[in-house]
């Protein structure tokens, strides 16, 4: 790759990233059905890319089964069905998909994709909810994950050093992981203080650290998935970034972790209240 090509790719990556961030923040601020539509779109794109990697083209009947089952769950999400009902619907859809997979002999991975896509969409939508706590929690999540992702990339490029997981993702380094984690913690604390969180700085630090680490594990999981199926990118839907999964792997992992903790503490339908409540 020439220097000019590298600069061009970086510019394309930055422009696409800025456009995506602005669009996502606008939909997050709007909340309601707009954010639920965004969550559903992310879930749908994840399943599409997952099937492209894990399910051969000649398995189109099973592709259709997975798509229809997820579409039902995502439609329920968009119209505002409660989180508990959505989880039950996703569980039922996963069981039906597993039954069909056993009959069609297509293996475990496509069914895992359905569960992964559905949980990603449900976690994001449930966290945002429809109130101030949901907005605050989602902005906190974005700040931690985005700062982690951006600084891990640039610190890793600038500092280099020992590889984090060379057998999974040869480009990632320990310096990038540490730099990204520190950036995620700082960004999370800044946003938490900005929105007026009542919890102490120590809790903000711990939460930011945990979500940053989980987001990087989510990134590694997606890298291992691509390596398993011999894919460089999950798709080419986003210029300079590859696919949707390439952009949201860390986000959906951290969102799921935050959703689980919040659901256990404050209920499935108001997980953000475990972190932000007036």
C-alpha atoms as a PDB file:
ATOM      1  CA  UNK A   1       0.000   0.000   0.000  1.00  0.00           C
ATOM      2  CA  UNK A   2       1.380   3.403  -0.976  1.00  0.00           C
ATOM      3  CA  UNK A   3       1.410   6.423   1.334  1.00  0.00           C
ATOM      4  CA  UNK A   4      -1.200   8.135  -0.835  1.00  0.00           C
ATOM      5  CA  UNK A   5      -3.464   5.099  -0.678  1.00  0.00           C
ATOM      6  CA  UNK A   6      -3.058   4.927   3.100  1.00  0.00           C
ATOM      7  CA  UNK A   7      -3.998   8.604   3.481  1.00  0.00           C
ATOM      8  CA  UNK A   8      -6.982   8.109   1.191  1.00  0.00           C
ATOM      9  CA  UNK A   9      -8.202   5.107   3.204  1.00  0.00           C
ATOM     10  CA  UNK A  10      -7.782   7.019   6.465  1.00  0.00           C
ATOM     11  CA  UNK A  11      -9.689  10.007   5.077  1.00  0.00           C
ATOM     12  CA  UNK A  12     -12.488   7.736   3.892  1.00  0.00           C
ATOM     13  CA  UNK A  13     -12.558   6.055   7.307  1.00  0.00           C
ATOM     14  CA  UNK A  14     -12.706   9.399   9.156  1.00  0.00           C
ATOM     15  CA  UNK A  15     -15.441  10.857   6.912  1.00  0.00           C
ATOM     16  CA  UNK A  16     -17.591   7.736   7.186  1.00  0.00           C
ATOM     17  CA  UNK A  17     -17.039   7.639  10.940  1.00  0.00           C
ATOM     18  CA  UNK A  18     -18.056  11.266  11.446  1.00  0.00           C
ATOM     19  CA  UNK A  19     -21.202  10.843   9.342  1.00  0.00           C
ATOM     20  CA  UNK A  20     -22.176   7.725  11.276  1.00  0.00           C
ATOM     21  CA  UNK A  21     -21.550   9.342  14.662  1.00  0.00           C
ATOM     22  CA  UNK A  22     -23.658  12.396  13.776  1.00  0.00           C
ATOM     23  CA  UNK A  23     -26.513  10.223  12.499  1.00  0.00           C
ATOM     24  CA  UNK A  24     -26.418   7.901  15.516  1.00  0.00           C
ATOM     25  CA  UNK A  25     -26.317  10.794  17.996  1.00  0.00           C
ATOM     26  CA  UNK A  26     -29.274  12.458  16.268  1.00  0.00           C
ATOM     27  CA  UNK A  27     -31.349   9.269  16.483  1.00  0.00           C
ATOM     28  CA  UNK A  28     -30.236   8.730  20.083  1.00  0.00           C
ATOM     29  CA  UNK A  29     -31.352  12.231  21.019  1.00  0.00           C
ATOM     30  CA  UNK A  30     -34.694  11.716  19.254  1.00  0.00           C
ATOM     31  CA  UNK A  31     -35.230   8.424  21.083  1.00  0.00           C
ATOM     32  CA  UNK A  32     -38.550   6.609  20.838  1.00  0.00           C
ATOM     33  CA  UNK A  33     -39.312   4.822  17.607  1.00  0.00           C
ATOM     34  CA  UNK A  34     -36.330   6.463  15.881  1.00  0.00           C
ATOM     35  CA  UNK A  35     -33.802   4.801  18.122  1.00  0.00           C
ATOM     36  CA  UNK A  36     -35.735   1.543  18.059  1.00  0.00           C
ATOM     37  CA  UNK A  37     -35.544   1.654  14.260  1.00  0.00           C
ATOM     38  CA  UNK A  38     -31.786   2.205  14.502  1.00  0.00           C
ATOM     39  CA  UNK A  39     -31.466  -0.742  16.903  1.00  0.00           C
ATOM     40  CA  UNK A  40     -33.545  -2.931  14.592  1.00  0.00           C
ATOM     41  CA  UNK A  41     -31.451  -1.888  11.582  1.00  0.00           C
ATOM     42  CA  UNK A  42     -28.272  -2.828  13.450  1.00  0.00           C
ATOM     43  CA  UNK A  43     -29.744  -6.206  14.393  1.00  0.00           C
ATOM     44  CA  UNK A  44     -30.861  -6.875  10.836  1.00  0.00           C
ATOM     45  CA  UNK A  45     -27.476  -5.904   9.381  1.00  0.00           C
ATOM     46  CA  UNK A  46     -25.674  -8.136  11.885  1.00  0.00           C
ATOM     47  CA  UNK A  47     -27.717 -11.177  10.882  1.00  0.00           C
ATOM     48  CA  UNK A  48     -27.259 -10.382   7.171  1.00  0.00           C
ATOM     49  CA  UNK A  49     -23.477 -10.198   7.546  1.00  0.00           C
ATOM     50  CA  UNK A  50     -23.322 -13.187   9.878  1.00  0.00           C
ATOM     51  CA  UNK A  51     -25.231 -15.343   7.376  1.00  0.00           C
ATOM     52  CA  UNK A  52     -22.981 -14.139   4.545  1.00  0.00           C
ATOM     53  CA  UNK A  53     -19.978 -15.450   6.470  1.00  0.00           C
ATOM     54  CA  UNK A  54     -21.397 -18.557   8.148  1.00  0.00           C
ATOM     55  CA  UNK A  55     -24.067 -19.873   5.804  1.00  0.00           C
ATOM     56  CA  UNK A  56     -23.377 -20.922   2.182  1.00  0.00           C
ATOM     57  CA  UNK A  57     -25.497 -19.388  -0.555  1.00  0.00           C
ATOM     58  CA  UNK A  58     -27.126 -22.709  -1.422  1.00  0.00           C
ATOM     59  CA  UNK A  59     -28.652 -22.770   2.064  1.00  0.00           C
ATOM     60  CA  UNK A  60     -31.182 -20.111   1.092  1.00  0.00           C
ATOM     61  CA  UNK A  61     -34.172 -21.847   2.804  1.00  0.00           C
ATOM     62  CA  UNK A  62     -32.436 -21.628   6.185  1.00  0.00           C
ATOM     63  CA  UNK A  63     -31.393 -18.046   5.440  1.00  0.00           C
ATOM     64  CA  UNK A  64     -35.064 -17.237   4.876  1.00  0.00           C
ATOM     65  CA  UNK A  65     -36.091 -18.955   8.115  1.00  0.00           C
ATOM     66  CA  UNK A  66     -33.546 -16.961  10.123  1.00  0.00           C
ATOM     67  CA  UNK A  67     -34.496 -13.694   8.422  1.00  0.00           C
ATOM     68  CA  UNK A  68     -38.234 -14.184   9.041  1.00  0.00           C
ATOM     69  CA  UNK A  69     -37.748 -15.168  12.675  1.00  0.00           C
ATOM     70  CA  UNK A  70     -35.545 -12.145  13.397  1.00  0.00           C
ATOM     71  CA  UNK A  71     -37.879  -9.858  11.455  1.00  0.00           C
ATOM     72  CA  UNK A  72     -40.753 -10.838  13.776  1.00  0.00           C
ATOM     73  CA  UNK A  73     -38.667 -10.025  16.859  1.00  0.00           C
ATOM     74  CA  UNK A  74     -37.428  -6.736  15.386  1.00  0.00           C
ATOM     75  CA  UNK A  75     -40.956  -5.696  14.395  1.00  0.00           C
ATOM     76  CA  UNK A  76     -42.068  -6.267  17.988  1.00  0.00           C
ATOM     77  CA  UNK A  77     -39.110  -4.163  19.132  1.00  0.00           C
ATOM     78  CA  UNK A  78     -39.958  -1.276  16.787  1.00  0.00           C
ATOM     79  CA  UNK A  79     -43.582  -1.080  17.905  1.00  0.00           C
ATOM     80  CA  UNK A  80     -42.457  -0.900  21.533  1.00  0.00           C
ATOM     81  CA  UNK A  81     -43.183  -4.323  23.016  1.00  0.00           C
ATOM     82  CA  UNK A  82     -41.757  -4.757  26.530  1.00  0.00           C
ATOM     83  CA  UNK A  83     -38.239  -6.072  27.038  1.00  0.00           C
ATOM     84  CA  UNK A  84     -39.358  -9.229  28.835  1.00  0.00           C
ATOM     85  CA  UNK A  85     -41.674 -10.176  25.998  1.00  0.00           C
ATOM     86  CA  UNK A  86     -38.953  -9.441  23.449  1.00  0.00           C
ATOM     87  CA  UNK A  87     -36.513 -11.746  25.218  1.00  0.00           C
ATOM     88  CA  UNK A  88     -39.113 -14.501  25.333  1.00  0.00           C
ATOM     89  CA  UNK A  89     -39.852 -13.986  21.643  1.00  0.00           C
ATOM     90  CA  UNK A  90     -36.144 -14.152  20.797  1.00  0.00           C
ATOM     91  CA  UNK A  91     -35.770 -17.322  22.868  1.00  0.00           C
ATOM     92  CA  UNK A  92     -38.680 -18.893  20.988  1.00  0.00           C
ATOM     93  CA  UNK A  93     -37.225 -17.761  17.637  1.00  0.00           C
ATOM     94  CA  UNK A  94     -33.843 -19.247  18.557  1.00  0.00           C
ATOM     95  CA  UNK A  95     -35.424 -22.575  19.503  1.00  0.00           C
ATOM     96  CA  UNK A  96     -37.333 -22.684  16.213  1.00  0.00           C
ATOM     97  CA  UNK A  97     -34.173 -21.791  14.287  1.00  0.00           C
ATOM     98  CA  UNK A  98     -32.201 -24.484  16.115  1.00  0.00           C
ATOM     99  CA  UNK A  99     -34.898 -27.048  15.336  1.00  0.00           C
ATOM    100  CA  UNK A 100     -34.816 -26.149  11.652  1.00  0.00           C
ATOM    101  CA  UNK A 101     -31.009 -26.130  11.663  1.00  0.00           C
ATOM    102  CA  UNK A 102     -30.948 -29.653  13.077  1.00  0.00           C
ATOM    103  CA  UNK A 103     -33.397 -30.781  10.387  1.00  0.00           C
ATOM    104  CA  UNK A 104     -31.463 -29.008   7.605  1.00  0.00           C
ATOM    105  CA  UNK A 105     -28.050 -30.029   9.045  1.00  0.00           C
ATOM    106  CA  UNK A 106     -26.549 -26.534   8.801  1.00  0.00           C
ATOM    107  CA  UNK A 107     -24.778 -26.473  12.152  1.00  0.00           C
ATOM    108  CA  UNK A 108     -24.755 -24.197  15.184  1.00  0.00           C
ATOM    109  CA  UNK A 109     -23.257 -20.955  13.899  1.00  0.00           C
ATOM    110  CA  UNK A 110     -26.195 -19.546  11.888  1.00  0.00           C
ATOM    111  CA  UNK A 111     -28.487 -19.991  14.910  1.00  0.00           C
ATOM    112  CA  UNK A 112     -25.909 -18.254  17.098  1.00  0.00           C
ATOM    113  CA  UNK A 113     -26.065 -15.369  14.626  1.00  0.00           C
ATOM    114  CA  UNK A 114     -29.804 -15.018  15.158  1.00  0.00           C
ATOM    115  CA  UNK A 115     -29.381 -14.894  18.936  1.00  0.00           C
ATOM    116  CA  UNK A 116     -26.453 -12.467  18.670  1.00  0.00           C
ATOM    117  CA  UNK A 117     -28.310 -10.115  16.327  1.00  0.00           C
ATOM    118  CA  UNK A 118     -31.479 -10.178  18.406  1.00  0.00           C
ATOM    119  CA  UNK A 119     -29.719  -9.598  21.718  1.00  0.00           C
ATOM    120  CA  UNK A 120     -27.728  -6.741  20.189  1.00  0.00           C
ATOM    121  CA  UNK A 121     -30.864  -4.939  19.041  1.00  0.00           C
ATOM    122  CA  UNK A 122     -32.804  -5.588  22.250  1.00  0.00           C
ATOM    123  CA  UNK A 123     -29.935  -4.479  24.499  1.00  0.00           C
ATOM    124  CA  UNK A 124     -29.461  -1.185  22.669  1.00  0.00           C
ATOM    125  CA  UNK A 125     -33.182  -0.385  22.507  1.00  0.00           C
ATOM    126  CA  UNK A 126     -33.802  -1.325  26.147  1.00  0.00           C
ATOM    127  CA  UNK A 127     -30.904   0.783  27.385  1.00  0.00           C
ATOM    128  CA  UNK A 128     -32.092   3.871  25.515  1.00  0.00           C
ATOM    129  CA  UNK A 129     -35.686   3.419  26.622  1.00  0.00           C
ATOM    130  CA  UNK A 130     -37.713   6.606  26.465  1.00  0.00           C
ATOM    131  CA  UNK A 131     -36.535   8.803  29.310  1.00  0.00           C
ATOM    132  CA  UNK A 132     -33.602  10.911  30.507  1.00  0.00           C
ATOM    133  CA  UNK A 133     -31.915   7.959  32.226  1.00  0.00           C
ATOM    134  CA  UNK A 134     -31.899   6.028  28.962  1.00  0.00           C
ATOM    135  CA  UNK A 135     -30.412   8.943  27.052  1.00  0.00           C
ATOM    136  CA  UNK A 136     -27.714   9.433  29.704  1.00  0.00           C
ATOM    137  CA  UNK A 137     -26.847   5.721  29.823  1.00  0.00           C
ATOM    138  CA  UNK A 138     -26.624   5.471  26.035  1.00  0.00           C
ATOM    139  CA  UNK A 139     -24.403   8.546  25.748  1.00  0.00           C
ATOM    140  CA  UNK A 140     -22.182   7.103  28.492  1.00  0.00           C
ATOM    141  CA  UNK A 141     -21.986   3.806  26.604  1.00  0.00           C
ATOM    142  CA  UNK A 142     -21.119   5.548  23.336  1.00  0.00           C
ATOM    143  CA  UNK A 143     -18.447   7.684  24.988  1.00  0.00           C
ATOM    144  CA  UNK A 144     -16.680   4.700  26.541  1.00  0.00           C
ATOM    145  CA  UNK A 145     -16.845   2.469  23.460  1.00  0.00           C
ATOM    146  CA  UNK A 146     -16.015   5.103  20.857  1.00  0.00           C
ATOM    147  CA  UNK A 147     -13.120   6.555  22.840  1.00  0.00           C
ATOM    148  CA  UNK A 148     -11.782   3.035  23.420  1.00  0.00           C
ATOM    149  CA  UNK A 149     -12.027   2.155  19.736  1.00  0.00           C
ATOM    150  CA  UNK A 150     -10.485   5.383  18.422  1.00  0.00           C
ATOM    151  CA  UNK A 151      -7.597   5.641  20.870  1.00  0.00           C
ATOM    152  CA  UNK A 152      -6.823   1.914  20.700  1.00  0.00           C
ATOM    153  CA  UNK A 153      -6.371   2.322  16.939  1.00  0.00           C
ATOM    154  CA  UNK A 154      -4.168   5.417  17.069  1.00  0.00           C
ATOM    155  CA  UNK A 155      -2.131   4.447  20.152  1.00  0.00           C
ATOM    156  CA  UNK A 156      -1.550   0.988  18.711  1.00  0.00           C
ATOM    157  CA  UNK A 157      -0.346   2.514  15.433  1.00  0.00           C
ATOM    158  CA  UNK A 158       1.878   5.068  17.157  1.00  0.00           C
ATOM    159  CA  UNK A 159       3.372   2.949  19.946  1.00  0.00           C
ATOM    160  CA  UNK A 160       3.180  -0.613  18.660  1.00  0.00           C
ATOM    161  CA  UNK A 161       4.751  -3.243  20.874  1.00  0.00           C
ATOM    162  CA  UNK A 162       3.630  -6.735  21.893  1.00  0.00           C
ATOM    163  CA  UNK A 163       0.559  -8.112  20.169  1.00  0.00           C
ATOM    164  CA  UNK A 164      -2.642  -8.475  22.175  1.00  0.00           C
ATOM    165  CA  UNK A 165      -3.973 -11.615  20.477  1.00  0.00           C
ATOM    166  CA  UNK A 166      -1.830 -12.397  17.419  1.00  0.00           C
ATOM    167  CA  UNK A 167      -3.673 -15.605  16.558  1.00  0.00           C
ATOM    168  CA  UNK A 168      -6.994 -13.742  16.424  1.00  0.00           C
ATOM    169  CA  UNK A 169      -6.222 -10.163  15.381  1.00  0.00           C
ATOM    170  CA  UNK A 170      -2.550  -9.568  14.480  1.00  0.00           C
ATOM    171  CA  UNK A 171      -2.949  -5.795  14.274  1.00  0.00           C
ATOM    172  CA  UNK A 172      -4.014  -5.257  17.885  1.00  0.00           C
ATOM    173  CA  UNK A 173      -1.401  -4.455  20.520  1.00  0.00           C
ATOM    174  CA  UNK A 174      -1.285  -4.238  24.296  1.00  0.00           C
ATOM    175  CA  UNK A 175      -0.358  -0.574  24.015  1.00  0.00           C
ATOM    176  CA  UNK A 176      -3.488   0.069  21.968  1.00  0.00           C
ATOM    177  CA  UNK A 177      -5.660  -1.896  24.399  1.00  0.00           C
ATOM    178  CA  UNK A 178      -4.298   0.003  27.407  1.00  0.00           C
ATOM    179  CA  UNK A 179      -4.507   3.362  25.665  1.00  0.00           C
ATOM    180  CA  UNK A 180      -8.043   2.629  24.540  1.00  0.00           C
ATOM    181  CA  UNK A 181      -9.100   1.553  28.027  1.00  0.00           C
ATOM    182  CA  UNK A 182      -7.725   4.705  29.633  1.00  0.00           C
ATOM    183  CA  UNK A 183      -9.434   6.849  26.993  1.00  0.00           C
ATOM    184  CA  UNK A 184     -12.719   5.004  27.507  1.00  0.00           C
ATOM    185  CA  UNK A 185     -12.584   5.542  31.264  1.00  0.00           C
ATOM    186  CA  UNK A 186     -11.847   9.267  30.893  1.00  0.00           C
ATOM    187  CA  UNK A 187     -14.555   9.759  28.260  1.00  0.00           C
ATOM    188  CA  UNK A 188     -17.098   7.882  30.379  1.00  0.00           C
ATOM    189  CA  UNK A 189     -16.354   9.950  33.485  1.00  0.00           C
ATOM    190  CA  UNK A 190     -16.615  13.190  31.508  1.00  0.00           C
ATOM    191  CA  UNK A 191     -20.015  12.245  30.082  1.00  0.00           C
ATOM    192  CA  UNK A 192     -21.286  10.957  33.437  1.00  0.00           C
ATOM    193  CA  UNK A 193     -20.326  14.242  35.114  1.00  0.00           C
ATOM    194  CA  UNK A 194     -21.773  16.246  32.215  1.00  0.00           C
ATOM    195  CA  UNK A 195     -25.188  14.593  32.464  1.00  0.00           C
ATOM    196  CA  UNK A 196     -25.167  14.941  36.238  1.00  0.00           C
ATOM    197  CA  UNK A 197     -24.844  11.339  37.374  1.00  0.00           C
ATOM    198  CA  UNK A 198     -25.440  10.895  41.084  1.00  0.00           C
ATOM    199  CA  UNK A 199     -22.999   7.990  41.505  1.00  0.00           C
ATOM    200  CA  UNK A 200     -19.473   8.601  42.722  1.00  0.00           C
ATOM    201  CA  UNK A 201     -16.360   8.951  40.597  1.00  0.00           C
ATOM    202  CA  UNK A 202     -15.087   5.541  41.771  1.00  0.00           C
ATOM    203  CA  UNK A 203     -18.210   3.857  40.393  1.00  0.00           C
ATOM    204  CA  UNK A 204     -17.801   5.764  37.123  1.00  0.00           C
ATOM    205  CA  UNK A 205     -14.193   4.599  36.845  1.00  0.00           C
ATOM    206  CA  UNK A 206     -15.077   0.959  37.504  1.00  0.00           C
ATOM    207  CA  UNK A 207     -18.012   1.004  35.091  1.00  0.00           C
ATOM    208  CA  UNK A 208     -15.991   2.728  32.393  1.00  0.00           C
ATOM    209  CA  UNK A 209     -13.152   0.244  32.817  1.00  0.00           C
ATOM    210  CA  UNK A 210     -15.489  -2.766  32.663  1.00  0.00           C
ATOM    211  CA  UNK A 211     -17.334  -1.563  29.557  1.00  0.00           C
ATOM    212  CA  UNK A 212     -14.076  -0.672  27.808  1.00  0.00           C
ATOM    213  CA  UNK A 213     -12.651  -4.129  28.435  1.00  0.00           C
ATOM    214  CA  UNK A 214     -15.884  -5.829  27.334  1.00  0.00           C
ATOM    215  CA  UNK A 215     -15.999  -3.735  24.162  1.00  0.00           C
ATOM    216  CA  UNK A 216     -12.473  -4.886  23.260  1.00  0.00           C
ATOM    217  CA  UNK A 217     -13.424  -8.496  23.962  1.00  0.00           C
ATOM    218  CA  UNK A 218     -16.392  -8.015  21.628  1.00  0.00           C
ATOM    219  CA  UNK A 219     -14.006  -6.748  18.977  1.00  0.00           C
ATOM    220  CA  UNK A 220     -11.795  -9.810  19.423  1.00  0.00           C
ATOM    221  CA  UNK A 221     -14.829 -12.100  19.256  1.00  0.00           C
ATOM    222  CA  UNK A 222     -15.827 -10.673  15.893  1.00  0.00           C
ATOM    223  CA  UNK A 223     -12.230 -10.950  14.661  1.00  0.00           C
ATOM    224  CA  UNK A 224     -12.169 -14.619  15.677  1.00  0.00           C
ATOM    225  CA  UNK A 225     -15.473 -15.155  13.879  1.00  0.00           C
ATOM    226  CA  UNK A 226     -14.121 -13.620  10.652  1.00  0.00           C
ATOM    227  CA  UNK A 227     -10.955 -15.689  10.940  1.00  0.00           C
ATOM    228  CA  UNK A 228     -13.020 -18.841  11.427  1.00  0.00           C
ATOM    229  CA  UNK A 229     -14.935 -18.232   8.214  1.00  0.00           C
ATOM    230  CA  UNK A 230     -12.047 -16.736   6.226  1.00  0.00           C
ATOM    231  CA  UNK A 231     -13.500 -13.228   5.893  1.00  0.00           C
ATOM    232  CA  UNK A 232     -11.433 -10.040   5.958  1.00  0.00           C
ATOM    233  CA  UNK A 233     -14.452  -7.836   6.707  1.00  0.00           C
ATOM    234  CA  UNK A 234     -18.003  -8.761   7.655  1.00  0.00           C
ATOM    235  CA  UNK A 235     -19.141  -6.889   4.502  1.00  0.00           C
ATOM    236  CA  UNK A 236     -18.430  -3.677   2.577  1.00  0.00           C
ATOM    237  CA  UNK A 237     -21.535  -1.756   3.622  1.00  0.00           C
ATOM    238  CA  UNK A 238     -19.610   1.130   5.246  1.00  0.00           C
ATOM    239  CA  UNK A 239     -16.871   2.840   3.182  1.00  0.00           C
ATOM    240  CA  UNK A 240     -13.507   2.562   4.893  1.00  0.00           C
ATOM    241  CA  UNK A 241     -14.875   0.478   7.754  1.00  0.00           C
ATOM    242  CA  UNK A 242     -16.052  -2.777   6.203  1.00  0.00           C
ATOM    243  CA  UNK A 243     -19.367  -3.984   7.548  1.00  0.00           C
ATOM    244  CA  UNK A 244     -21.781  -3.035  10.296  1.00  0.00           C
ATOM    245  CA  UNK A 245     -20.433  -5.797  12.522  1.00  0.00           C
ATOM    246  CA  UNK A 246     -16.941  -4.355  12.087  1.00  0.00           C
ATOM    247  CA  UNK A 247     -18.215  -1.078  13.557  1.00  0.00           C
ATOM    248  CA  UNK A 248     -20.556  -2.282  16.294  1.00  0.00           C
ATOM    249  CA  UNK A 249     -18.806  -5.415  17.579  1.00  0.00           C
ATOM    250  CA  UNK A 250     -17.494  -3.666  20.686  1.00  0.00           C
ATOM    251  CA  UNK A 251     -20.607  -1.528  21.090  1.00  0.00           C
ATOM    252  CA  UNK A 252     -23.096  -4.398  21.156  1.00  0.00           C
ATOM    253  CA  UNK A 253     -20.921  -6.421  23.541  1.00  0.00           C
ATOM    254  CA  UNK A 254     -20.702  -3.497  25.969  1.00  0.00           C
ATOM    255  CA  UNK A 255     -24.405  -2.711  25.505  1.00  0.00           C
ATOM    256  CA  UNK A 256     -25.325  -6.293  26.351  1.00  0.00           C
ATOM    257  CA  UNK A 257     -23.138  -6.233  29.472  1.00  0.00           C
ATOM    258  CA  UNK A 258     -24.660  -2.926  30.566  1.00  0.00           C
ATOM    259  CA  UNK A 259     -28.164  -4.222  29.819  1.00  0.00           C
ATOM    260  CA  UNK A 260     -27.657  -7.395  31.875  1.00  0.00           C
ATOM    261  CA  UNK A 261     -26.296  -5.484  34.874  1.00  0.00           C
ATOM    262  CA  UNK A 262     -29.051  -2.876  34.613  1.00  0.00           C
ATOM    263  CA  UNK A 263     -31.792  -5.479  34.159  1.00  0.00           C
ATOM    264  CA  UNK A 264     -30.666  -7.379  37.261  1.00  0.00           C
ATOM    265  CA  UNK A 265     -30.573  -4.176  39.311  1.00  0.00           C
ATOM    266  CA  UNK A 266     -33.529  -2.209  37.962  1.00  0.00           C
ATOM    267  CA  UNK A 267     -35.563  -4.528  35.730  1.00  0.00           C
ATOM    268  CA  UNK A 268     -35.560  -5.539  32.071  1.00  0.00           C
ATOM    269  CA  UNK A 269     -37.754  -2.599  31.041  1.00  0.00           C
ATOM    270  CA  UNK A 270     -35.684   0.087  32.789  1.00  0.00           C
ATOM    271  CA  UNK A 271     -32.026  -1.084  32.853  1.00  0.00           C
ATOM    272  CA  UNK A 272     -30.666   2.454  32.484  1.00  0.00           C
ATOM    273  CA  UNK A 273     -32.125   3.375  35.877  1.00  0.00           C
ATOM    274  CA  UNK A 274     -29.477   1.223  37.531  1.00  0.00           C
ATOM    275  CA  UNK A 275     -26.880   3.686  36.272  1.00  0.00           C
ATOM    276  CA  UNK A 276     -28.696   7.003  35.857  1.00  0.00           C
ATOM    277  CA  UNK A 277     -31.811   8.033  37.741  1.00  0.00           C
ATOM    278  CA  UNK A 278     -33.053  11.352  39.022  1.00  0.00           C
END
